[in-house]
N, C-alpha and C. Protein backbone atom coordinates (compact mmCIF):
# COMPACT_ATOMS: atom_id res chain seq x y z
N MET A 1 0.54 -1.92 -0.15
CA MET A 1 -0.03 -0.03 0.05
C MET A 1 0.76 1.42 0.03
N ARG A 2 2.40 1.20 0.19
CA ARG A 2 2.91 2.15 0.14
C ARG A 2 2.81 3.24 -1.06
N GLY A 3 2.62 4.46 -0.55
CA GLY A 3 2.68 5.31 -1.93
C GLY A 3 1.20 5.97 -2.64
N LYS A 4 0.45 4.54 -2.39
CA LYS A 4 -0.93 4.65 -2.45
C LYS A 4 -1.76 4.99 -1.85
N ARG A 5 -2.61 5.79 -2.07
CA ARG A 5 -3.99 5.99 -0.66
C ARG A 5 -4.98 5.94 -1.56
N PRO A 6 -5.98 5.47 -0.19
CA PRO A 6 -7.47 4.80 -1.05
C PRO A 6 -8.19 5.88 -1.19
N PHE A 7 -8.53 7.72 -0.81
CA PHE A 7 -9.13 7.86 -1.39
C PHE A 7 -8.08 9.61 -1.23
N SER A 8 -8.18 10.24 -2.21
CA SER A 8 -7.22 11.80 -2.11
C SER A 8 -7.53 12.56 -0.88
N LEU A 9 -6.38 13.40 -1.20
CA LEU A 9 -5.63 13.74 0.32
C LEU A 9 -6.63 14.92 0.15
N ASP A 10 -7.46 15.61 -0.95
CA ASP A 10 -8.38 17.10 -0.57
C ASP A 10 -9.69 16.68 -0.85
N HIS A 11 -10.11 14.93 -0.34
CA HIS A 11 -11.62 14.72 -0.16
C HIS A 11 -12.37 15.71 0.57
N LYS A 12 -13.20 16.48 0.38
CA LYS A 12 -13.92 17.26 1.18
C LYS A 12 -15.26 16.63 1.19
N ILE A 13 -15.95 16.51 2.34
CA ILE A 13 -17.59 16.73 2.04
C ILE A 13 -18.14 18.01 3.10
N SER A 14 -18.67 18.13 3.11
CA SER A 14 -19.64 18.88 3.85
C SER A 14 -19.31 19.55 4.96
N ASN A 15 -18.04 20.65 4.21
CA ASN A 15 -16.64 20.96 5.52
C ASN A 15 -16.45 20.91 6.17
N LEU A 16 -16.02 19.25 6.15
CA LEU A 16 -15.37 17.90 6.76
C LEU A 16 -14.10 18.05 6.01
N ASP A 17 -13.37 17.92 6.56
CA ASP A 17 -12.03 17.59 5.40
C ASP A 17 -11.03 16.12 6.14
N PHE A 18 -11.06 15.25 4.86
CA PHE A 18 -10.20 13.99 5.84
C PHE A 18 -9.00 14.24 4.35
N TYR A 19 -7.69 13.23 5.71
CA TYR A 19 -7.04 12.76 4.81
C TYR A 19 -6.13 12.14 5.52
N LEU A 20 -5.59 11.29 4.79
CA LEU A 20 -4.78 10.30 5.47
C LEU A 20 -2.94 10.55 5.26
N GLN A 21 -2.36 10.69 7.08
CA GLN A 21 -1.20 10.88 6.56
C GLN A 21 -0.30 9.79 7.04
N GLU A 22 0.32 10.19 6.45
CA GLU A 22 1.39 8.23 6.36
C GLU A 22 2.60 8.44 7.35
N HIS A 23 2.74 7.67 7.90
CA HIS A 23 3.91 7.58 9.43
C HIS A 23 4.84 6.23 9.33
N GLY A 24 5.90 6.40 8.22
CA GLY A 24 6.65 5.61 8.15
C GLY A 24 6.13 4.69 7.60
N GLU A 25 6.94 3.18 7.46
CA GLU A 25 6.22 2.16 6.56
C GLU A 25 5.09 1.30 6.76
N ASN A 26 4.01 1.65 5.63
CA ASN A 26 2.88 1.06 5.86
C ASN A 26 1.47 1.23 6.98
N VAL A 27 1.94 2.60 7.45
CA VAL A 27 1.49 2.95 8.76
C VAL A 27 1.11 4.62 8.31
N TYR A 28 -0.76 4.30 8.41
CA TYR A 28 -1.29 5.15 8.12
C TYR A 28 -2.27 5.65 8.86
N GLU A 29 -2.94 7.38 8.82
CA GLU A 29 -3.64 7.85 10.05
C GLU A 29 -4.33 8.73 9.61
N ILE A 30 -5.83 8.28 9.86
CA ILE A 30 -6.75 8.98 8.91
C ILE A 30 -7.39 9.79 9.86
N ARG A 31 -7.04 11.41 9.62
CA ARG A 31 -7.68 12.39 10.13
C ARG A 31 -9.30 12.94 9.79
N LEU A 32 -9.24 13.70 10.67
CA LEU A 32 -10.71 14.19 10.97
C LEU A 32 -10.74 14.99 10.86
N LEU A 33 -10.74 16.93 10.19
CA LEU A 33 -10.61 17.60 10.83
C LEU A 33 -12.33 18.17 10.55
N SER A 34 -12.44 19.70 11.42
CA SER A 34 -13.61 20.23 11.78
C SER A 34 -13.46 21.59 12.04
N ILE A 35 -14.59 22.11 11.77
CA ILE A 35 -14.36 23.86 12.94
C ILE A 35 -15.05 23.45 13.73
N VAL A 36 -14.51 23.82 15.01
CA VAL A 36 -15.10 24.08 15.98
C VAL A 36 -14.17 25.28 17.45
N LYS A 37 -15.16 25.11 18.41
CA LYS A 37 -14.50 26.34 18.87
C LYS A 37 -13.69 25.53 20.34
N VAL A 38 -12.76 26.21 20.76
CA VAL A 38 -12.18 26.26 22.24
C VAL A 38 -13.11 25.59 23.29
N ASN A 39 -12.24 24.64 23.92
CA ASN A 39 -12.52 24.33 24.94
C ASN A 39 -11.89 24.09 26.08
N GLU A 40 -12.41 24.73 26.95
CA GLU A 40 -11.33 25.06 27.90
C GLU A 40 -11.19 23.93 29.18
N ALA A 41 -12.18 22.85 28.85
CA ALA A 41 -12.84 22.04 29.76
C ALA A 41 -11.27 20.64 28.83
N VAL A 42 -10.87 20.89 28.10
CA VAL A 42 -9.80 19.64 27.46
C VAL A 42 -9.17 19.80 27.62
N PRO A 43 -7.90 18.67 28.08
CA PRO A 43 -6.57 19.68 28.07
C PRO A 43 -6.35 19.85 26.21
N ALA A 44 -5.25 21.26 26.27
CA ALA A 44 -4.30 21.85 25.27
C ALA A 44 -4.47 20.63 24.43
N TYR A 45 -3.58 19.64 24.47
CA TYR A 45 -3.35 18.69 23.26
C TYR A 45 -4.61 17.96 23.14
N MET A 46 -5.50 17.87 23.33
CA MET A 46 -6.67 17.20 22.58
C MET A 46 -7.41 18.31 22.29
N ASP A 47 -8.02 19.81 21.97
CA ASP A 47 -8.38 20.91 21.94
C ASP A 47 -8.36 20.92 20.48
N ILE A 48 -9.21 20.77 19.65
CA ILE A 48 -8.88 21.12 18.15
C ILE A 48 -9.50 22.12 17.89
N GLY A 49 -10.52 22.52 18.34
CA GLY A 49 -10.70 24.31 18.54
C GLY A 49 -9.77 25.36 18.49
N MET A 50 -8.91 24.94 20.15
CA MET A 50 -7.66 25.77 20.23
C MET A 50 -6.61 25.65 18.50
N TYR A 51 -6.30 24.69 17.68
CA TYR A 51 -5.54 24.10 17.05
C TYR A 51 -6.19 25.22 15.37
N GLU A 52 -7.57 24.92 16.00
CA GLU A 52 -7.77 26.24 14.72
C GLU A 52 -7.97 27.58 14.67
N GLU A 53 -8.26 28.19 16.17
CA GLU A 53 -8.23 29.65 16.37
C GLU A 53 -6.75 29.87 15.88
N ASN A 54 -5.36 28.69 16.17
CA ASN A 54 -4.12 29.49 16.22
C ASN A 54 -3.86 29.10 14.88
N GLU A 55 -4.49 28.38 14.07
CA GLU A 55 -3.92 28.03 12.85
C GLU A 55 -2.57 27.25 12.89
N SER A 56 -2.74 26.51 13.69
CA SER A 56 -1.61 25.37 13.90
C SER A 56 -2.14 24.02 13.72
N ILE A 57 -1.22 23.14 14.10
CA ILE A 57 -1.02 21.78 13.40
C ILE A 57 -1.38 21.03 15.41
N PRO A 58 -2.13 19.82 14.83
CA PRO A 58 -2.41 19.02 16.10
C PRO A 58 -1.09 18.29 16.76
N TYR A 59 -0.85 18.87 18.60
CA TYR A 59 0.22 17.98 18.75
C TYR A 59 -0.07 16.14 18.87
N SER A 60 0.85 15.90 19.09
CA SER A 60 1.00 14.30 18.82
C SER A 60 0.13 14.06 20.33
N HIS A 61 -0.55 12.68 20.49
CA HIS A 61 -1.53 12.27 21.45
C HIS A 61 -0.24 11.54 22.70
N SER A 62 -0.90 11.73 23.79
CA SER A 62 0.29 10.87 24.64
C SER A 62 0.23 9.69 24.26
N TRP A 63 1.66 9.41 24.56
CA TRP A 63 1.38 7.52 24.73
C TRP A 63 0.76 7.03 25.90
N ASN A 64 0.82 7.72 26.86
CA ASN A 64 0.87 6.84 27.77
C ASN A 64 -1.15 6.94 27.39
N LEU A 65 -1.69 7.55 27.33
CA LEU A 65 -3.07 7.46 26.90
C LEU A 65 -3.15 6.32 26.21
N ILE A 66 -2.65 6.52 24.71
CA ILE A 66 -2.75 5.64 23.76
C ILE A 66 -2.21 3.75 24.27
N TYR A 67 -1.26 3.98 25.29
CA TYR A 67 -0.91 2.56 25.31
C TYR A 67 -2.10 2.19 26.37
N ALA A 68 -2.44 2.74 27.33
CA ALA A 68 -3.38 2.61 28.47
C ALA A 68 -4.96 2.45 27.67
N LEU A 69 -5.24 2.63 26.19
CA LEU A 69 -6.28 2.82 25.63
C LEU A 69 -6.18 1.04 24.83
N GLN A 70 -4.84 0.58 24.48
CA GLN A 70 -4.77 -0.52 23.73
C GLN A 70 -4.59 -1.76 24.42
N GLU A 71 -4.09 -1.22 25.82
CA GLU A 71 -4.34 -2.24 27.03
C GLU A 71 -5.99 -2.73 27.34
N ALA A 72 -6.60 -1.90 27.52
CA ALA A 72 -8.09 -1.77 27.83
C ALA A 72 -8.59 -2.50 26.76
N LEU A 73 -8.56 -2.10 25.50
CA LEU A 73 -8.86 -3.13 25.01
C LEU A 73 -8.48 -4.08 24.14
N LYS A 74 -7.19 -4.90 25.01
CA LYS A 74 -6.72 -6.25 24.56
C LYS A 74 -7.74 -7.34 25.21
N ILE A 75 -9.03 -7.07 26.57
CA ILE A 75 -9.99 -7.88 26.65
C ILE A 75 -10.74 -8.42 25.72
N PHE A 76 -10.58 -7.35 24.82
CA PHE A 76 -11.43 -7.82 23.51
C PHE A 76 -11.30 -8.79 22.49
N GLU A 77 -10.00 -8.97 22.44
CA GLU A 77 -9.39 -10.04 21.44
C GLU A 77 -9.68 -11.46 21.58
N ASP A 78 -10.39 -11.68 22.65
CA ASP A 78 -10.35 -12.66 22.81
C ASP A 78 -12.52 -13.25 22.84
N GLU A 79 -12.94 -13.75 21.89
CA GLU A 79 -13.99 -13.75 20.97
C GLU A 79 -15.14 -14.36 22.22
N MET A 80 -14.62 -15.11 23.18
CA MET A 80 -15.33 -15.62 24.46
C MET A 80 -15.92 -14.40 24.99
N VAL A 81 -15.26 -12.81 25.53
CA VAL A 81 -15.88 -11.87 26.00
C VAL A 81 -17.17 -11.72 25.46
N PHE A 82 -17.12 -11.35 23.78
CA PHE A 82 -18.24 -11.11 23.43
C PHE A 82 -19.54 -11.96 24.16
N GLU A 83 -18.91 -13.47 23.68
CA GLU A 83 -20.29 -14.16 23.94
C GLU A 83 -20.67 -14.24 25.12
N LYS A 84 -19.99 -13.90 26.64
CA LYS A 84 -19.96 -13.64 28.03
C LYS A 84 -20.64 -12.36 27.96
N ILE A 85 -20.81 -11.36 27.32
CA ILE A 85 -21.73 -9.80 27.19
C ILE A 85 -22.96 -10.26 26.85
N LYS A 86 -23.14 -11.26 25.59
CA LYS A 86 -24.56 -11.69 25.26
C LYS A 86 -25.19 -12.12 26.50
N GLU A 87 -24.58 -13.28 26.69
CA GLU A 87 -24.84 -14.45 27.85
C GLU A 87 -25.89 -13.59 28.89
N THR A 88 -25.05 -12.70 29.33
CA THR A 88 -25.17 -11.36 30.68
C THR A 88 -26.45 -10.84 30.27
N TYR A 89 -26.17 -10.09 28.71
CA TYR A 89 -27.32 -9.70 28.40
C TYR A 89 -28.43 -9.99 28.84
N THR A 90 -28.50 -11.16 28.14
CA THR A 90 -29.92 -12.14 27.81
C THR A 90 -30.44 -12.46 28.80
N TYR A 91 -29.65 -12.73 30.10
CA TYR A 91 -30.08 -13.16 31.62
C TYR A 91 -30.83 -11.83 32.38
N ILE A 92 -30.04 -11.00 32.32
CA ILE A 92 -30.67 -9.38 32.61
C ILE A 92 -32.01 -9.45 31.71
N GLU A 93 -32.14 -9.25 30.83
CA GLU A 93 -33.25 -9.04 29.83
C GLU A 93 -34.04 -9.91 30.03
N GLN A 94 -33.54 -10.98 30.19
CA GLN A 94 -35.03 -12.18 30.82
C GLN A 94 -35.89 -11.56 32.02
N ALA A 95 -34.84 -11.51 32.99
CA ALA A 95 -34.99 -11.50 34.32
C ALA A 95 -35.90 -9.82 34.45
N ILE A 96 -35.76 -9.18 34.25
CA ILE A 96 -36.37 -8.07 33.73
C ILE A 96 -37.61 -7.62 33.18
N THR A 97 -37.80 -8.55 32.02
CA THR A 97 -38.93 -8.67 31.42
C THR A 97 -40.45 -9.70 32.11
N THR A 98 -39.71 -10.50 33.18
CA THR A 98 -40.27 -11.54 33.79
C THR A 98 -40.81 -10.66 34.94
N MET A 99 -40.25 -9.81 35.35
CA MET A 99 -40.20 -8.64 36.61
C MET A 99 -41.93 -8.10 36.64
N GLY A 100 -41.59 -7.85 34.79
CA GLY A 100 -42.70 -6.80 34.14
C GLY A 100 -42.34 -5.42 34.04
N LEU A 101 -41.52 -5.56 34.10
CA LEU A 101 -40.64 -3.95 33.57
C LEU A 101 -40.10 -3.70 32.02
N ASN A 102 -40.35 -2.30 31.33
CA ASN A 102 -40.42 -2.98 30.12
C ASN A 102 -38.94 -2.30 29.49
N LEU A 103 -38.71 -2.53 28.39
CA LEU A 103 -37.26 -2.55 28.28
C LEU A 103 -37.28 -1.51 27.35
N VAL A 104 -36.38 -0.36 27.00
CA VAL A 104 -36.49 0.35 26.24
C VAL A 104 -36.71 0.48 24.46
N SER A 105 -35.36 -0.62 24.09
CA SER A 105 -36.07 -1.10 23.02
C SER A 105 -35.66 -2.85 23.07
N PRO A 106 -36.48 -3.36 22.20
CA PRO A 106 -36.76 -4.39 22.08
C PRO A 106 -35.12 -5.25 21.88
N LYS A 107 -34.76 -6.80 22.50
CA LYS A 107 -34.17 -7.02 21.98
C LYS A 107 -32.96 -7.22 20.45
N GLU A 108 -34.19 -7.65 19.54
CA GLU A 108 -33.68 -7.69 18.03
C GLU A 108 -33.38 -6.03 17.69
N HIS A 109 -33.20 -5.00 18.39
CA HIS A 109 -32.92 -3.84 18.13
C HIS A 109 -31.95 -3.14 19.07
N ALA A 110 -31.48 -3.87 20.33
CA ALA A 110 -30.70 -3.04 20.71
C ALA A 110 -29.34 -3.96 20.91
N ALA A 111 -28.35 -3.09 21.21
CA ALA A 111 -26.89 -3.44 21.29
C ALA A 111 -26.83 -4.47 22.86
N PRO A 112 -26.37 -5.41 22.77
CA PRO A 112 -26.30 -6.25 24.18
C PRO A 112 -24.93 -6.06 25.31
N ILE A 113 -24.78 -5.13 24.73
CA ILE A 113 -23.85 -4.12 26.38
C ILE A 113 -24.39 -3.50 27.24
N ILE A 114 -25.52 -3.17 26.97
CA ILE A 114 -26.53 -2.13 28.14
C ILE A 114 -28.24 -2.46 27.52
N VAL A 115 -28.69 -2.67 29.26
CA VAL A 115 -30.27 -2.98 28.88
C VAL A 115 -30.69 -1.49 29.93
N THR A 116 -31.51 -1.19 28.75
CA THR A 116 -32.31 0.36 29.76
C THR A 116 -33.93 -0.05 29.61
N ILE A 117 -33.89 0.84 30.90
CA ILE A 117 -34.94 -0.08 31.61
C ILE A 117 -36.14 0.99 31.56
N GLN A 118 -37.54 1.16 31.23
CA GLN A 118 -38.45 2.30 31.04
C GLN A 118 -39.38 1.85 32.54
N LEU A 119 -39.14 3.33 33.31
CA LEU A 119 -39.73 3.16 34.74
C LEU A 119 -41.04 3.32 34.22
N ASN A 120 -42.06 3.47 35.53
CA ASN A 120 -43.60 3.84 35.31
C ASN A 120 -44.02 5.04 35.41
N GLU A 121 -44.34 5.98 35.31
CA GLU A 121 -44.58 7.27 35.63
C GLU A 121 -44.66 7.48 37.20
N ASP A 122 -45.36 6.80 37.95
CA ASP A 122 -45.34 6.74 39.42
C ASP A 122 -44.25 6.53 39.83
N GLN A 123 -42.97 6.32 38.80
CA GLN A 123 -41.41 6.35 39.63
C GLN A 123 -40.76 7.11 39.64
N SER A 124 -39.79 7.31 39.49
CA SER A 124 -38.73 8.10 39.42
C SER A 124 -37.10 6.99 39.66
N SER A 125 -36.49 7.61 38.09
CA SER A 125 -34.98 6.71 37.99
C SER A 125 -34.08 7.32 38.73
N LYS A 126 -34.45 8.21 38.99
CA LYS A 126 -33.24 9.29 40.28
C LYS A 126 -33.34 8.38 41.53
N GLU A 127 -34.67 8.55 41.81
CA GLU A 127 -34.93 7.56 43.24
C GLU A 127 -34.37 6.40 43.24
N LEU A 128 -35.03 5.66 42.27
CA LEU A 128 -34.64 3.96 42.28
C LEU A 128 -33.04 4.02 41.91
N GLY A 129 -32.36 5.21 41.30
CA GLY A 129 -31.15 4.54 41.37
C GLY A 129 -30.16 4.79 42.12
N ASP A 130 -30.72 6.15 43.38
CA ASP A 130 -30.21 5.82 44.61
C ASP A 130 -30.13 5.15 45.58
N ALA A 131 -31.84 4.43 45.63
CA ALA A 131 -31.70 3.37 46.90
C ALA A 131 -31.44 2.29 46.46
N LEU A 132 -30.56 2.16 45.14
CA LEU A 132 -30.22 0.54 44.41
C LEU A 132 -28.68 0.60 44.70
N ALA A 133 -28.33 2.17 44.73
CA ALA A 133 -27.12 2.35 45.19
C ALA A 133 -26.43 2.58 46.05
N LEU A 134 -27.71 2.66 46.99
CA LEU A 134 -27.36 2.49 49.16
C LEU A 134 -27.18 0.79 49.13
N GLN A 135 -27.57 0.33 48.13
CA GLN A 135 -27.69 -1.10 48.32
C GLN A 135 -26.56 -1.80 47.59
N GLY A 136 -25.77 -1.35 47.01
CA GLY A 136 -24.32 -1.52 46.41
C GLY A 136 -24.24 -1.93 45.27
N TYR A 137 -25.50 -1.62 44.26
CA TYR A 137 -25.97 -1.55 43.03
C TYR A 137 -26.13 -0.36 42.23
N ILE A 138 -24.75 -0.23 41.87
CA ILE A 138 -24.55 0.83 40.65
C ILE A 138 -25.15 1.06 39.49
N PHE A 139 -26.15 1.14 39.23
CA PHE A 139 -26.85 1.86 37.80
C PHE A 139 -26.57 2.71 37.27
N HIS A 140 -26.83 2.89 35.83
CA HIS A 140 -26.66 4.18 35.45
C HIS A 140 -28.16 5.38 35.24
N TYR A 141 -28.32 6.26 35.38
CA TYR A 141 -29.50 7.04 35.79
C TYR A 141 -28.80 8.37 36.47
N GLU A 142 -27.89 8.67 36.57
CA GLU A 142 -27.54 9.90 36.85
C GLU A 142 -27.68 11.16 35.62
N SER A 143 -27.62 10.86 34.32
CA SER A 143 -27.62 11.41 33.18
C SER A 143 -28.63 12.01 32.85
N ALA A 144 -28.73 13.36 32.25
CA ALA A 144 -29.41 14.24 32.76
C ALA A 144 -30.88 13.45 31.55
N TYR A 145 -30.36 12.73 30.57
CA TYR A 145 -31.58 12.17 29.78
C TYR A 145 -32.18 11.07 29.95
N LEU A 146 -31.35 10.94 31.04
CA LEU A 146 -31.62 9.12 31.16
C LEU A 146 -33.45 9.71 32.50
N GLN A 147 -32.69 10.89 33.27
CA GLN A 147 -33.50 11.34 33.74
C GLN A 147 -34.95 11.93 33.59
N LYS A 148 -34.28 12.57 32.32
CA LYS A 148 -35.79 13.46 31.54
C LYS A 148 -37.07 11.65 30.56
N ASN A 149 -35.81 10.74 30.31
CA ASN A 149 -37.01 10.06 29.74
C ASN A 149 -37.38 8.76 31.00
N ASN A 150 -36.80 8.96 31.85
CA ASN A 150 -36.98 8.15 33.17
C ASN A 150 -36.55 6.79 33.24
N TRP A 151 -35.60 6.62 33.04
CA TRP A 151 -34.52 5.52 32.52
C TRP A 151 -33.70 4.69 33.55
N ILE A 152 -33.26 3.94 33.42
CA ILE A 152 -31.81 3.50 34.26
C ILE A 152 -31.36 2.23 33.26
N GLN A 153 -30.42 2.27 33.76
CA GLN A 153 -29.72 1.29 32.61
C GLN A 153 -28.82 0.07 32.94
N ILE A 154 -28.41 -0.61 32.80
CA ILE A 154 -27.62 -1.68 33.45
C ILE A 154 -26.58 -2.30 32.50
N ALA A 155 -25.11 -1.94 32.57
CA ALA A 155 -23.93 -2.17 32.23
C ALA A 155 -23.79 -4.52 31.61
N CYS A 156 -23.51 -4.13 30.59
CA CYS A 156 -23.82 -6.06 30.46
C CYS A 156 -22.26 -6.08 29.91
N LEU A 157 -21.38 -5.24 30.52
CA LEU A 157 -19.66 -4.83 29.84
C LEU A 157 -18.64 -6.31 30.84
N ASN A 158 -19.14 -6.09 31.90
CA ASN A 158 -18.23 -6.88 33.04
C ASN A 158 -18.43 -8.28 33.25
N HIS A 159 -17.51 -9.07 33.65
CA HIS A 159 -17.96 -10.31 34.17
C HIS A 159 -18.32 -10.38 35.29
N TYR A 160 -19.68 -10.70 35.37
CA TYR A 160 -20.73 -10.79 36.52
C TYR A 160 -21.00 -12.42 36.92
N LYS A 161 -21.03 -12.89 38.33
CA LYS A 161 -20.99 -13.94 38.31
C LYS A 161 -22.63 -14.08 38.63
N GLU A 162 -23.26 -15.47 38.01
CA GLU A 162 -25.00 -15.62 38.93
C GLU A 162 -25.32 -14.92 39.78
N ARG A 163 -24.75 -15.18 40.69
CA ARG A 163 -25.53 -15.30 42.06
C ARG A 163 -25.16 -13.44 42.26
N ASP A 164 -24.35 -12.68 41.93
CA ASP A 164 -24.13 -11.55 41.94
C ASP A 164 -25.19 -11.07 40.81
N MET A 165 -25.48 -11.58 40.09
CA MET A 165 -26.42 -11.17 39.15
C MET A 165 -27.69 -11.09 39.33
N LYS A 166 -28.29 -12.47 40.43
CA LYS A 166 -29.52 -12.72 41.05
C LYS A 166 -30.09 -11.65 42.13
N ARG A 167 -29.05 -11.33 42.80
CA ARG A 167 -29.54 -10.38 43.96
C ARG A 167 -28.98 -9.22 43.53
N MET A 168 -28.24 -8.78 42.73
CA MET A 168 -28.63 -7.51 41.90
C MET A 168 -30.43 -7.46 41.18
N LEU A 169 -30.94 -8.39 40.55
CA LEU A 169 -32.26 -8.48 40.08
C LEU A 169 -32.95 -8.49 40.98
N ASN A 170 -32.73 -9.28 42.62
CA ASN A 170 -33.71 -9.40 43.16
C ASN A 170 -33.95 -8.05 43.46
N CYS A 171 -33.18 -6.97 44.35
CA CYS A 171 -32.91 -5.86 45.11
C CYS A 171 -33.59 -4.92 43.99
N LEU A 172 -33.20 -5.18 42.36
CA LEU A 172 -34.69 -3.99 41.82
C LEU A 172 -35.36 -4.33 42.03
N HIS A 173 -36.07 -5.85 42.15
CA HIS A 173 -37.68 -5.94 41.87
C HIS A 173 -38.16 -5.38 43.36
N ARG A 174 -36.78 -5.52 44.56
CA ARG A 174 -37.74 -5.35 45.60
C ARG A 174 -38.04 -3.51 45.53
N CYS A 175 -37.10 -2.87 45.09
CA CYS A 175 -36.84 -1.53 44.89
C CYS A 175 -38.38 -1.03 43.60
N THR A 176 -38.71 -1.79 42.80
CA THR A 176 -39.64 -1.51 42.20
C THR A 176 -40.96 -1.71 43.04
N LEU A 177 -41.06 -2.68 43.55
CA LEU A 177 -42.27 -3.12 44.31
C LEU A 177 -42.47 -1.57 45.33
N LYS A 178 -41.35 -1.53 45.89
CA LYS A 178 -41.48 -0.04 47.11
C LYS A 178 -42.14 1.04 46.17
N ASN A 179 -41.82 1.09 44.98
CA ASN A 179 -41.93 2.77 44.35
C ASN A 179 -43.26 2.54 43.27
N GLY A 180 -43.71 1.47 44.05
CA GLY A 180 -45.26 1.53 43.04
C GLY A 180 -45.03 0.52 41.26
N VAL A 181 -44.39 -0.27 41.39
CA VAL A 181 -44.60 -0.99 40.23
C VAL A 181 -44.95 -2.33 40.90
N HIS A 182 -46.03 -2.65 40.39
CA HIS A 182 -46.61 -4.01 41.02
C HIS A 182 -46.73 -5.20 40.39
N ILE A 183 -46.15 -6.07 40.34
CA ILE A 183 -45.41 -7.26 39.59
C ILE A 183 -45.96 -8.59 39.87
């Protein structure tokens, strides 16, 4: 592939510039450039708006961050990890529907990494999430969009033991019964 680029360096699509930068033999990097504003909430080396404002080129990224990402992604090299995620999702999804709780997305349209539960109008995702946290179970519920939609989420990415999932689901069941969901 050396010397050949899969697309033009001048390729432009709706105000976005894409280009392929070569880094040594057969190593390429795809960059996406866009006009953005300076964001003081992110480190300077990650602030694309700062580069644009100063008509500068981006710094090299932190090798420590790239290495940490590489190490974190190694777990997904084993296909069994994906099977375990699917098994966890299926187990939790079946238990949730058996409890009479509603899923936001049907299984055939949902990603098996997270289960999103729609609570009834007489419940509060914040109150339920807080109650579950007091019992030692951390659900996703604090984001504004989750609270606005009255949703809670259970991540399926970690390796959970079946007995721990049963305990968590029993706690969820008890908390929803107290808060007006009658199963």
